[in-house]
Every structure is written in C-alpha cells, then in structure tokens.
PDB file of N, CA and C in Angstrom:
ATOM      1  N   UNK A   1      -5.696  -2.700   4.388  1.00  0.00           N
ATOM      2  CA  UNK A   1      -5.792  -2.288   3.015  1.00  0.00           C
ATOM      3  C   UNK A   1      -5.171  -3.370   2.152  1.00  0.00           C
ATOM      4  N   UNK A   2      -5.830  -3.754   1.073  1.00  0.00           N
ATOM      5  CA  UNK A   2      -5.335  -4.748   0.134  1.00  0.00           C
ATOM      6  C   UNK A   2      -4.660  -4.055  -1.037  1.00  0.00           C
ATOM      7  N   UNK A   3      -3.559  -4.635  -1.498  1.00  0.00           N
ATOM      8  CA  UNK A   3      -2.834  -4.068  -2.626  1.00  0.00           C
ATOM      9  C   UNK A   3      -2.294  -5.218  -3.475  1.00  0.00           C
ATOM     10  N   UNK A   4      -2.421  -5.086  -4.791  1.00  0.00           N
ATOM     11  CA  UNK A   4      -1.909  -6.138  -5.682  1.00  0.00           C
ATOM     12  C   UNK A   4      -0.386  -6.032  -5.767  1.00  0.00           C
ATOM     13  N   UNK A   5       0.229  -7.102  -6.196  1.00  0.00           N
ATOM     14  CA  UNK A   5       1.687  -7.111  -6.323  1.00  0.00           C
ATOM     15  C   UNK A   5       2.125  -6.038  -7.310  1.00  0.00           C
ATOM     16  N   UNK A   6       1.411  -5.909  -8.407  1.00  0.00           N
ATOM     17  CA  UNK A   6       1.768  -4.906  -9.420  1.00  0.00           C
ATOM     18  C   UNK A   6       1.722  -3.501  -8.828  1.00  0.00           C
ATOM     19  N   UNK A   7       0.649  -3.198  -8.080  1.00  0.00           N
ATOM     20  CA  UNK A   7       0.512  -1.883  -7.462  1.00  0.00           C
ATOM     21  C   UNK A   7       1.582  -1.674  -6.390  1.00  0.00           C
ATOM     22  N   UNK A   8       1.889  -2.721  -5.646  1.00  0.00           N
ATOM     23  CA  UNK A   8       2.929  -2.622  -4.612  1.00  0.00           C
ATOM     24  C   UNK A   8       4.269  -2.281  -5.240  1.00  0.00           C
ATOM     25  N   UNK A   9       4.597  -2.947  -6.342  1.00  0.00           N
ATOM     26  CA  UNK A   9       5.865  -2.670  -7.022  1.00  0.00           C
ATOM     27  C   UNK A   9       5.916  -1.243  -7.540  1.00  0.00           C
ATOM     28  N   UNK A  10       4.794  -0.742  -8.023  1.00  0.00           N
ATOM     29  CA  UNK A  10       4.756   0.601  -8.591  1.00  0.00           C
ATOM     30  C   UNK A  10       4.803   1.694  -7.529  1.00  0.00           C
ATOM     31  N   UNK A  11       4.251   1.410  -6.331  1.00  0.00           N
ATOM     32  CA  UNK A  11       4.134   2.452  -5.287  1.00  0.00           C
ATOM     33  C   UNK A  11       4.658   1.947  -3.934  1.00  0.00           C
ATOM     34  N   UNK A  12       5.787   1.280  -3.963  1.00  0.00           N
ATOM     35  CA  UNK A  12       6.333   0.667  -2.750  1.00  0.00           C
ATOM     36  C   UNK A  12       6.539   1.684  -1.625  1.00  0.00           C
ATOM     37  N   UNK A  13       7.105   2.842  -1.938  1.00  0.00           N
ATOM     38  CA  UNK A  13       7.365   3.853  -0.898  1.00  0.00           C
ATOM     39  C   UNK A  13       6.088   4.253  -0.177  1.00  0.00           C
ATOM     40  N   UNK A  14       5.030   4.431  -0.929  1.00  0.00           N
ATOM     41  CA  UNK A  14       3.749   4.835  -0.319  1.00  0.00           C
ATOM     42  C   UNK A  14       3.255   3.776   0.662  1.00  0.00           C
ATOM     43  N   UNK A  15       3.324   2.504   0.247  1.00  0.00           N
ATOM     44  CA  UNK A  15       2.810   1.446   1.103  1.00  0.00           C
ATOM     45  C   UNK A  15       3.714   1.208   2.319  1.00  0.00           C
ATOM     46  N   UNK A  16       5.003   1.453   2.162  1.00  0.00           N
ATOM     47  CA  UNK A  16       5.890   1.362   3.324  1.00  0.00           C
ATOM     48  C   UNK A  16       5.564   2.453   4.338  1.00  0.00           C
ATOM     49  N   UNK A  17       5.244   3.643   3.850  1.00  0.00           N
ATOM     50  CA  UNK A  17       4.832   4.729   4.756  1.00  0.00           C
ATOM     51  C   UNK A  17       3.539   4.359   5.475  1.00  0.00           C
ATOM     52  N   UNK A  18       2.598   3.749   4.741  1.00  0.00           N
ATOM     53  CA  UNK A  18       1.344   3.316   5.369  1.00  0.00           C
ATOM     54  C   UNK A  18       1.622   2.290   6.470  1.00  0.00           C
ATOM     55  N   UNK A  19       2.498   1.347   6.182  1.00  0.00           N
ATOM     56  CA  UNK A  19       2.826   0.322   7.181  1.00  0.00           C
ATOM     57  C   UNK A  19       3.493   0.968   8.392  1.00  0.00           C
ATOM     58  N   UNK A  20       4.397   1.906   8.140  1.00  0.00           N
ATOM     59  CA  UNK A  20       5.090   2.593   9.239  1.00  0.00           C
ATOM     60  C   UNK A  20       4.097   3.357  10.098  1.00  0.00           C
ATOM     61  N   UNK A  21       3.026   3.857   9.476  1.00  0.00           N
ATOM     62  CA  UNK A  21       2.003   4.606  10.208  1.00  0.00           C
ATOM     63  C   UNK A  21       1.078   3.692  11.010  1.00  0.00           C
ATOM     64  N   UNK A  22       1.271   2.368  10.883  1.00  0.00           N
ATOM     65  CA  UNK A  22       0.481   1.440  11.686  1.00  0.00           C
ATOM     66  C   UNK A  22      -0.643   0.753  10.935  1.00  0.00           C
ATOM     67  N   UNK A  23      -0.771   1.035   9.640  1.00  0.00           N
ATOM     68  CA  UNK A  23      -1.823   0.384   8.854  1.00  0.00           C
ATOM     69  C   UNK A  23      -1.280  -0.912   8.253  1.00  0.00           C
ATOM     70  N   UNK A  24      -2.057  -1.977   8.356  1.00  0.00           N
ATOM     71  CA  UNK A  24      -1.671  -3.254   7.745  1.00  0.00           C
ATOM     72  C   UNK A  24      -1.880  -3.162   6.239  1.00  0.00           C
ATOM     73  N   UNK A  25      -0.872  -3.596   5.497  1.00  0.00           N
ATOM     74  CA  UNK A  25      -0.956  -3.627   4.046  1.00  0.00           C
ATOM     75  C   UNK A  25      -0.900  -5.094   3.633  1.00  0.00           C
ATOM     76  N   UNK A  26      -2.007  -5.605   3.105  1.00  0.00           N
ATOM     77  CA  UNK A  26      -2.090  -6.995   2.679  1.00  0.00           C
ATOM     78  C   UNK A  26      -1.790  -7.050   1.188  1.00  0.00           C
ATOM     79  N   UNK A  27      -0.767  -7.834   0.823  1.00  0.00           N
ATOM     80  CA  UNK A  27      -0.372  -7.974  -0.572  1.00  0.00           C
ATOM     81  C   UNK A  27      -1.137  -9.151  -1.160  1.00  0.00           C
ATOM     82  N   UNK A  28      -1.760  -8.916  -2.330  1.00  0.00           N
ATOM     83  CA  UNK A  28      -2.560  -9.963  -2.949  1.00  0.00           C
ATOM     84  C   UNK A  28      -2.018 -10.318  -4.334  1.00  0.00           C
ATOM     85  N   UNK A  29      -2.254 -11.559  -4.720  1.00  0.00           N
ATOM     86  CA  UNK A  29      -1.942 -12.026  -6.062  1.00  0.00           C
ATOM     87  C   UNK A  29      -3.216 -12.649  -6.612  1.00  0.00           C
ATOM     88  N   UNK A  30      -3.756 -12.021  -7.639  1.00  0.00           N
ATOM     89  CA  UNK A  30      -5.016 -12.474  -8.235  1.00  0.00           C
ATOM     90  C   UNK A  30      -6.146 -12.555  -7.202  1.00  0.00           C
ATOM     91  N   UNK A  31      -6.142 -11.569  -6.308  1.00  0.00           N
ATOM     92  CA  UNK A  31      -7.211 -11.480  -5.321  1.00  0.00           C
ATOM     93  C   UNK A  31      -6.993 -12.290  -4.053  1.00  0.00           C
ATOM     94  N   UNK A  32      -5.947 -13.115  -4.019  1.00  0.00           N
ATOM     95  CA  UNK A  32      -5.683 -13.932  -2.825  1.00  0.00           C
ATOM     96  C   UNK A  32      -4.522 -13.339  -2.026  1.00  0.00           C
ATOM     97  N   UNK A  33      -4.662 -13.231  -0.713  1.00  0.00           N
ATOM     98  CA  UNK A  33      -3.572 -12.692   0.112  1.00  0.00           C
ATOM     99  C   UNK A  33      -2.337 -13.599   0.065  1.00  0.00           C
ATOM    100  N   UNK A  34      -1.168 -12.979  -0.133  1.00  0.00           N
ATOM    101  CA  UNK A  34       0.083 -13.735  -0.162  1.00  0.00           C
ATOM    102  C   UNK A  34       1.121 -13.189   0.817  1.00  0.00           C
ATOM    103  N   UNK A  35       0.900 -11.992   1.336  1.00  0.00           N
ATOM    104  CA  UNK A  35       1.861 -11.409   2.267  1.00  0.00           C
ATOM    105  C   UNK A  35       1.259 -10.219   2.970  1.00  0.00           C
ATOM    106  N   UNK A  36       2.030  -9.693   3.924  1.00  0.00           N
ATOM    107  CA  UNK A  36       1.524  -8.572   4.708  1.00  0.00           C
ATOM    108  C   UNK A  36       2.691  -7.680   5.117  1.00  0.00           C
ATOM    109  N   UNK A  37       2.526  -6.390   4.996  1.00  0.00           N
ATOM    110  CA  UNK A  37       3.512  -5.425   5.481  1.00  0.00           C
ATOM    111  C   UNK A  37       3.036  -4.882   6.813  1.00  0.00           C
ATOM    112  N   UNK A  38       3.915  -4.938   7.790  1.00  0.00           N
ATOM    113  CA  UNK A  38       3.602  -4.428   9.120  1.00  0.00           C
ATOM    114  C   UNK A  38       4.733  -3.538   9.591  1.00  0.00           C
ATOM    115  N   UNK A  39       4.423  -2.614  10.453  1.00  0.00           N
ATOM    116  CA  UNK A  39       5.453  -1.762  11.034  1.00  0.00           C
ATOM    117  C   UNK A  39       6.251  -2.544  12.064  1.00  0.00           C
ATOM    118  N   UNK A  40       7.534  -2.258  12.147  1.00  0.00           N
ATOM    119  CA  UNK A  40       8.392  -2.870  13.167  1.00  0.00           C
ATOM    120  C   UNK A  40       8.308  -1.984  14.407  1.00  0.00           C
ATOM    121  N   UNK A  41       8.098  -2.573  15.582  1.00  0.00           N
ATOM    122  CA  UNK A  41       8.029  -1.755  16.800  1.00  0.00           C
ATOM    123  C   UNK A  41       9.338  -0.988  17.013  1.00  0.00           C
ATOM    124  N   UNK A  42       9.208   0.207  17.556  1.00  0.00           N
ATOM    125  CA  UNK A  42      10.379   1.055  17.794  1.00  0.00           C
ATOM    126  C   UNK A  42      11.386   0.381  18.726  1.00  0.00           C
ATOM    127  N   UNK A  43      10.893  -0.182  19.817  1.00  0.00           N
ATOM    128  CA  UNK A  43      11.780  -0.841  20.772  1.00  0.00           C
ATOM    129  C   UNK A  43      11.755  -2.331  20.509  1.00  0.00           C
ATOM    130  N   UNK A  44      12.936  -2.925  20.356  1.00  0.00           N
ATOM    131  CA  UNK A  44      12.964  -4.369  20.113  1.00  0.00           C
ATOM    132  C   UNK A  44      12.393  -5.127  21.308  1.00  0.00           C
ATOM    133  N   UNK A  45      11.813  -6.275  21.018  1.00  0.00           N
ATOM    134  CA  UNK A  45      11.247  -7.098  22.090  1.00  0.00           C
ATOM    135  C   UNK A  45      12.349  -7.538  23.036  1.00  0.00           C
ATOM    136  N   UNK A  46      12.018  -7.656  24.300  1.00  0.00           N
ATOM    137  CA  UNK A  46      12.987  -8.051  25.309  1.00  0.00           C
ATOM    138  C   UNK A  46      13.340  -9.525  25.145  1.00  0.00           C
ATOM    139  N   UNK A  47      14.615  -9.828  25.179  1.00  0.00           N
ATOM    140  CA  UNK A  47      15.071 -11.214  25.033  1.00  0.00           C
ATOM    141  C   UNK A  47      14.761 -11.983  26.318  1.00  0.00           C
ATOM    142  N   UNK A  48      14.304 -13.221  26.199  1.00  0.00           N
ATOM    143  CA  UNK A  48      14.013 -14.005  27.404  1.00  0.00           C
ATOM    144  C   UNK A  48      15.290 -14.347  28.166  1.00  0.00           C
ATOM    145  N   UNK A  49      15.165 -14.489  29.469  1.00  0.00           N
ATOM    146  CA  UNK A  49      16.305 -14.825  30.326  1.00  0.00           C
ATOM    147  C   UNK A  49      16.721 -16.274  30.093  1.00  0.00           C
ATOM    148  N   UNK A  50      17.874 -16.661  30.609  1.00  0.00           N
ATOM    149  CA  UNK A  50      18.417 -17.996  30.414  1.00  0.00           C
ATOM    150  C   UNK A  50      17.478 -19.108  30.847  1.00  0.00           C
ATOM    151  N   UNK A  51      16.869 -18.971  32.001  1.00  0.00           N
ATOM    152  CA  UNK A  51      15.953 -20.002  32.497  1.00  0.00           C
ATOM    153  C   UNK A  51      14.734 -20.139  31.590  1.00  0.00           C
ATOM    154  N   UNK A  52      14.236 -19.008  31.089  1.00  0.00           N
ATOM    155  CA  UNK A  52      13.086 -19.034  30.194  1.00  0.00           C
ATOM    156  C   UNK A  52      13.455 -19.710  28.872  1.00  0.00           C
ATOM    157  N   UNK A  53      14.649 -19.459  28.369  1.00  0.00           N
ATOM    158  CA  UNK A  53      15.099 -20.108  27.137  1.00  0.00           C
ATOM    159  C   UNK A  53      15.172 -21.621  27.316  1.00  0.00           C
ATOM    160  N   UNK A  54      15.721 -22.066  28.436  1.00  0.00           N
ATOM    161  CA  UNK A  54      15.794 -23.502  28.705  1.00  0.00           C
ATOM    162  C   UNK A  54      14.405 -24.125  28.796  1.00  0.00           C
ATOM    163  N   UNK A  55      13.490 -23.431  29.438  1.00  0.00           N
ATOM    164  CA  UNK A  55      12.118 -23.932  29.550  1.00  0.00           C
ATOM    165  C   UNK A  55      11.493 -24.085  28.164  1.00  0.00           C
ATOM    166  N   UNK A  56      11.693 -23.089  27.303  1.00  0.00           N
ATOM    167  CA  UNK A  56      11.137 -23.147  25.956  1.00  0.00           C
ATOM    168  C   UNK A  56      11.777 -24.258  25.125  1.00  0.00           C
ATOM    169  N   UNK A  57      13.087 -24.439  25.275  1.00  0.00           N
ATOM    170  CA  UNK A  57      13.778 -25.505  24.534  1.00  0.00           C
ATOM    171  C   UNK A  57      13.260 -26.880  24.929  1.00  0.00           C
ATOM    172  N   UNK A  58      12.993 -27.072  26.215  1.00  0.00           N
ATOM    173  CA  UNK A  58      12.511 -28.368  26.696  1.00  0.00           C
ATOM    174  C   UNK A  58      11.130 -28.702  26.141  1.00  0.00           C
ATOM    175  N   UNK A  59      10.364 -27.679  25.749  1.00  0.00           N
ATOM    176  CA  UNK A  59       9.021 -27.901  25.200  1.00  0.00           C
ATOM    177  C   UNK A  59       9.046 -28.360  23.748  1.00  0.00           C
ATOM    178  N   UNK A  60      10.169 -28.166  23.058  1.00  0.00           N
ATOM    179  CA  UNK A  60      10.266 -28.533  21.645  1.00  0.00           C
ATOM    180  C   UNK A  60      10.564 -30.022  21.547  1.00  0.00           C
ATOM    181  N   UNK A  61       9.717 -30.743  20.803  1.00  0.00           N
ATOM    182  CA  UNK A  61       9.940 -32.184  20.673  1.00  0.00           C
ATOM    183  C   UNK A  61      11.197 -32.439  19.853  1.00  0.00           C
ATOM    184  N   UNK A  62      11.963 -33.424  20.274  1.00  0.00           N
ATOM    185  CA  UNK A  62      13.187 -33.785  19.571  1.00  0.00           C
ATOM    186  C   UNK A  62      14.413 -33.033  20.040  1.00  0.00           C
ATOM    187  N   UNK A  63      14.243 -32.069  20.940  1.00  0.00           N
ATOM    188  CA  UNK A  63      15.385 -31.299  21.446  1.00  0.00           C
ATOM    189  C   UNK A  63      15.739 -31.802  22.836  1.00  0.00           C
ATOM    190  N   UNK A  64      16.989 -32.195  23.001  1.00  0.00           N
ATOM    191  CA  UNK A  64      17.471 -32.608  24.316  1.00  0.00           C
ATOM    192  C   UNK A  64      18.444 -31.564  24.821  1.00  0.00           C
ATOM    193  N   UNK A  65      18.163 -31.022  25.972  1.00  0.00           N
ATOM    194  CA  UNK A  65      19.022 -30.003  26.555  1.00  0.00           C
ATOM    195  C   UNK A  65      20.183 -30.701  27.245  1.00  0.00           C
ATOM    196  N   UNK A  66      21.389 -30.276  26.933  1.00  0.00           N
ATOM    197  CA  UNK A  66      22.570 -30.889  27.520  1.00  0.00           C
ATOM    198  C   UNK A  66      22.741 -30.522  28.975  1.00  0.00           C
ATOM    199  N   UNK A  67      23.587 -31.277  29.652  1.00  0.00           N
ATOM    200  CA  UNK A  67      23.833 -31.019  31.068  1.00  0.00           C
ATOM    201  C   UNK A  67      25.106 -30.206  31.270  1.00  0.00           C
ATOM    202  N   UNK A  68      25.744 -29.863  30.191  1.00  0.00           N
ATOM    203  CA  UNK A  68      27.004 -29.138  30.280  1.00  0.00           C
ATOM    204  C   UNK A  68      28.151 -30.128  30.369  1.00  0.00           C
ATOM    205  N   UNK A  69      29.334 -29.658  30.234  1.00  0.00           N
ATOM    206  CA  UNK A  69      30.491 -30.538  30.302  1.00  0.00           C
ATOM    207  C   UNK A  69      30.814 -31.170  28.962  1.00  0.00           C
ATOM    208  N   UNK A  70      31.858 -31.949  28.973  1.00  0.00           N
ATOM    209  CA  UNK A  70      32.349 -32.565  27.752  1.00  0.00           C
ATOM    210  C   UNK A  70      31.611 -33.870  27.474  1.00  0.00           C
ATOM    211  N   UNK A  71      31.206 -34.113  26.209  1.00  0.00           N
ATOM    212  CA  UNK A  71      30.558 -35.386  25.893  1.00  0.00           C
ATOM    213  C   UNK A  71      31.522 -36.549  26.109  1.00  0.00           C
ATOM    214  N   UNK A  72      30.997 -37.670  26.578  1.00  0.00           N
ATOM    215  CA  UNK A  72      31.859 -38.821  26.889  1.00  0.00           C
ATOM    216  C   UNK A  72      31.983 -39.803  25.737  1.00  0.00           C
ATOM    217  N   UNK A  73      31.123 -39.716  24.760  1.00  0.00           N
ATOM    218  CA  UNK A  73      31.178 -40.648  23.652  1.00  0.00           C
ATOM    219  C   UNK A  73      30.201 -41.791  23.861  1.00  0.00           C
ATOM    220  N   UNK A  74      30.248 -42.762  22.960  1.00  0.00           N
ATOM    221  CA  UNK A  74      29.311 -43.883  23.002  1.00  0.00           C
ATOM    222  C   UNK A  74      29.641 -44.838  24.142  1.00  0.00           C
ATOM    223  N   UNK A  75      28.602 -45.466  24.692  1.00  0.00           N
ATOM    224  CA  UNK A  75      28.820 -46.459  25.752  1.00  0.00           C
ATOM    225  C   UNK A  75      29.482 -47.700  25.186  1.00  0.00           C
ATOM    226  N   UNK A  76      29.080 -48.086  23.972  1.00  0.00           N
ATOM    227  CA  UNK A  76      29.682 -49.245  23.292  1.00  0.00           C
ATOM    228  C   UNK A  76      30.182 -48.800  21.928  1.00  0.00           C
ATOM    229  N   UNK A  77      31.389 -48.245  21.845  1.00  0.00           N
ATOM    230  CA  UNK A  77      31.888 -47.761  20.560  1.00  0.00           C
ATOM    231  C   UNK A  77      32.095 -48.919  19.577  1.00  0.00           C
ATOM    232  N   UNK A  78      31.951 -48.622  18.299  1.00  0.00           N
ATOM    233  CA  UNK A  78      32.157 -49.626  17.268  1.00  0.00           C
ATOM    234  C   UNK A  78      33.647 -49.878  17.130  1.00  0.00           C
ATOM    235  N   UNK A  79      34.031 -51.151  17.153  1.00  0.00           N
ATOM    236  CA  UNK A  79      35.440 -51.503  17.022  1.00  0.00           C
ATOM    237  C   UNK A  79      35.727 -51.875  15.573  1.00  0.00           C
ATOM    238  N   UNK A  80      36.776 -51.316  15.047  1.00  0.00           N
ATOM    239  CA  UNK A  80      37.184 -51.612  13.678  1.00  0.00           C
ATOM    240  C   UNK A  80      38.316 -52.627  13.742  1.00  0.00           C
ATOM    241  N   UNK A  81      38.084 -53.780  13.129  1.00  0.00           N
ATOM    242  CA  UNK A  81      39.088 -54.843  13.127  1.00  0.00           C
ATOM    243  C   UNK A  81      40.104 -54.601  12.030  1.00  0.00           C
ATOM    244  N   UNK A  82      41.208 -55.235  12.176  1.00  0.00           N
ATOM    245  CA  UNK A  82      42.272 -55.123  11.192  1.00  0.00           C
ATOM    246  C   UNK A  82      41.735 -55.571   9.825  1.00  0.00           C
ATOM    247  N   UNK A  83      41.955 -54.772   8.804  1.00  0.00           N
ATOM    248  CA  UNK A  83      41.492 -55.091   7.466  1.00  0.00           C
ATOM    249  C   UNK A  83      40.152 -54.468   7.118  1.00  0.00           C
ATOM    250  N   UNK A  84      39.397 -54.011   8.121  1.00  0.00           N
ATOM    251  CA  UNK A  84      38.112 -53.351   7.854  1.00  0.00           C
ATOM    252  C   UNK A  84      38.350 -51.880   7.526  1.00  0.00           C
ATOM    253  N   UNK A  85      37.487 -51.339   6.696  1.00  0.00           N
ATOM    254  CA  UNK A  85      37.601 -49.928   6.339  1.00  0.00           C
ATOM    255  C   UNK A  85      36.840 -49.077   7.361  1.00  0.00           C
ATOM    256  N   UNK A  86      37.360 -47.894   7.586  1.00  0.00           N
ATOM    257  CA  UNK A  86      36.656 -46.947   8.456  1.00  0.00           C
ATOM    258  C   UNK A  86      35.551 -46.275   7.652  1.00  0.00           C
ATOM    259  N   UNK A  87      34.646 -45.623   8.343  1.00  0.00           N
ATOM    260  CA  UNK A  87      33.566 -44.918   7.681  1.00  0.00           C
ATOM    261  C   UNK A  87      34.128 -43.836   6.760  1.00  0.00           C
ATOM    262  N   UNK A  88      35.151 -43.131   7.208  1.00  0.00           N
ATOM    263  CA  UNK A  88      35.758 -42.079   6.393  1.00  0.00           C
ATOM    264  C   UNK A  88      36.314 -42.650   5.093  1.00  0.00           C
ATOM    265  N   UNK A  89      36.948 -43.794   5.176  1.00  0.00           N
ATOM    266  CA  UNK A  89      37.496 -44.431   3.965  1.00  0.00           C
ATOM    267  C   UNK A  89      36.389 -44.859   3.000  1.00  0.00           C
ATOM    268  N   UNK A  90      35.287 -45.376   3.557  1.00  0.00           N
ATOM    269  CA  UNK A  90      34.164 -45.781   2.702  1.00  0.00           C
ATOM    270  C   UNK A  90      33.541 -44.576   2.013  1.00  0.00           C
ATOM    271  N   UNK A  91      33.422 -43.461   2.735  1.00  0.00           N
ATOM    272  CA  UNK A  91      32.858 -42.248   2.135  1.00  0.00           C
ATOM    273  C   UNK A  91      33.751 -41.736   1.015  1.00  0.00           C
ATOM    274  N   UNK A  92      35.043 -41.708   1.255  1.00  0.00           N
ATOM    275  CA  UNK A  92      35.974 -41.247   0.214  1.00  0.00           C
ATOM    276  C   UNK A  92      35.905 -42.151  -1.005  1.00  0.00           C
ATOM    277  N   UNK A  93      35.788 -43.433  -0.790  1.00  0.00           N
ATOM    278  CA  UNK A  93      35.683 -44.400  -1.884  1.00  0.00           C
ATOM    279  C   UNK A  93      34.409 -44.173  -2.686  1.00  0.00           C
ATOM    280  N   UNK A  94      33.324 -43.918  -1.971  1.00  0.00           N
ATOM    281  CA  UNK A  94      32.025 -43.720  -2.611  1.00  0.00           C
ATOM    282  C   UNK A  94      32.001 -42.429  -3.429  1.00  0.00           C
ATOM    283  N   UNK A  95      32.670 -41.400  -2.938  1.00  0.00           N
ATOM    284  CA  UNK A  95      32.685 -40.113  -3.636  1.00  0.00           C
ATOM    285  C   UNK A  95      33.561 -40.132  -4.883  1.00  0.00           C
ATOM    286  N   UNK A  96      34.553 -40.998  -4.882  1.00  0.00           N
ATOM    287  CA  UNK A  96      35.523 -41.031  -5.978  1.00  0.00           C
ATOM    288  C   UNK A  96      35.045 -41.606  -7.202  1.00  0.00           C
TER     289      UNK A  96
END
C-alpha cells in the first residue's frame, strides 16, 4: 500500500497497525517511494557464531582480522632527533 508523507503524518497509528499486521506500507513523496514500514519479527534473528563472524569479516575489503595478543609496534619506528618537534607538539602548534 502506498501512502503520502502527509497522510502518514495524519494517520501514523493506522499505518503502524497495518505494518504490524504484515502489510508493507510504502511512503511516497510526490509519487516517488522514499521509505517503507515493515513489521519487526517477533523473535530476533539469531546472532552468528564466532567463526561465522570471522568469516564474514574476512570477506570485507580493507578489514584485517587480528591474530590476538598485544601489538608490537612499527618495524622501523620514526626516530626524533634532538631539537625536532614531535607530532603532538606540531598539532598543538597548528591548533593554537
């Protein structure tokens, strides 16, 4: 069922009851769909197990799954020589 934003605002309770009853309520603005009201299932979806979560994380590009343990830091840390400013000092200077 399609409903305009104006009608939705005027009869929100009615459309929420329709959604709860299992009917999709499509909200339109000037005839174009902009949203949808759906009923929430009574029982929440089952959360995936730990192994399944790791599998899903590995599929996301740009995500690296850690191996656990404490991070060791950079292999070649930047050395600050006497008289050079640290990054923190440069940031404070820039903000001031």
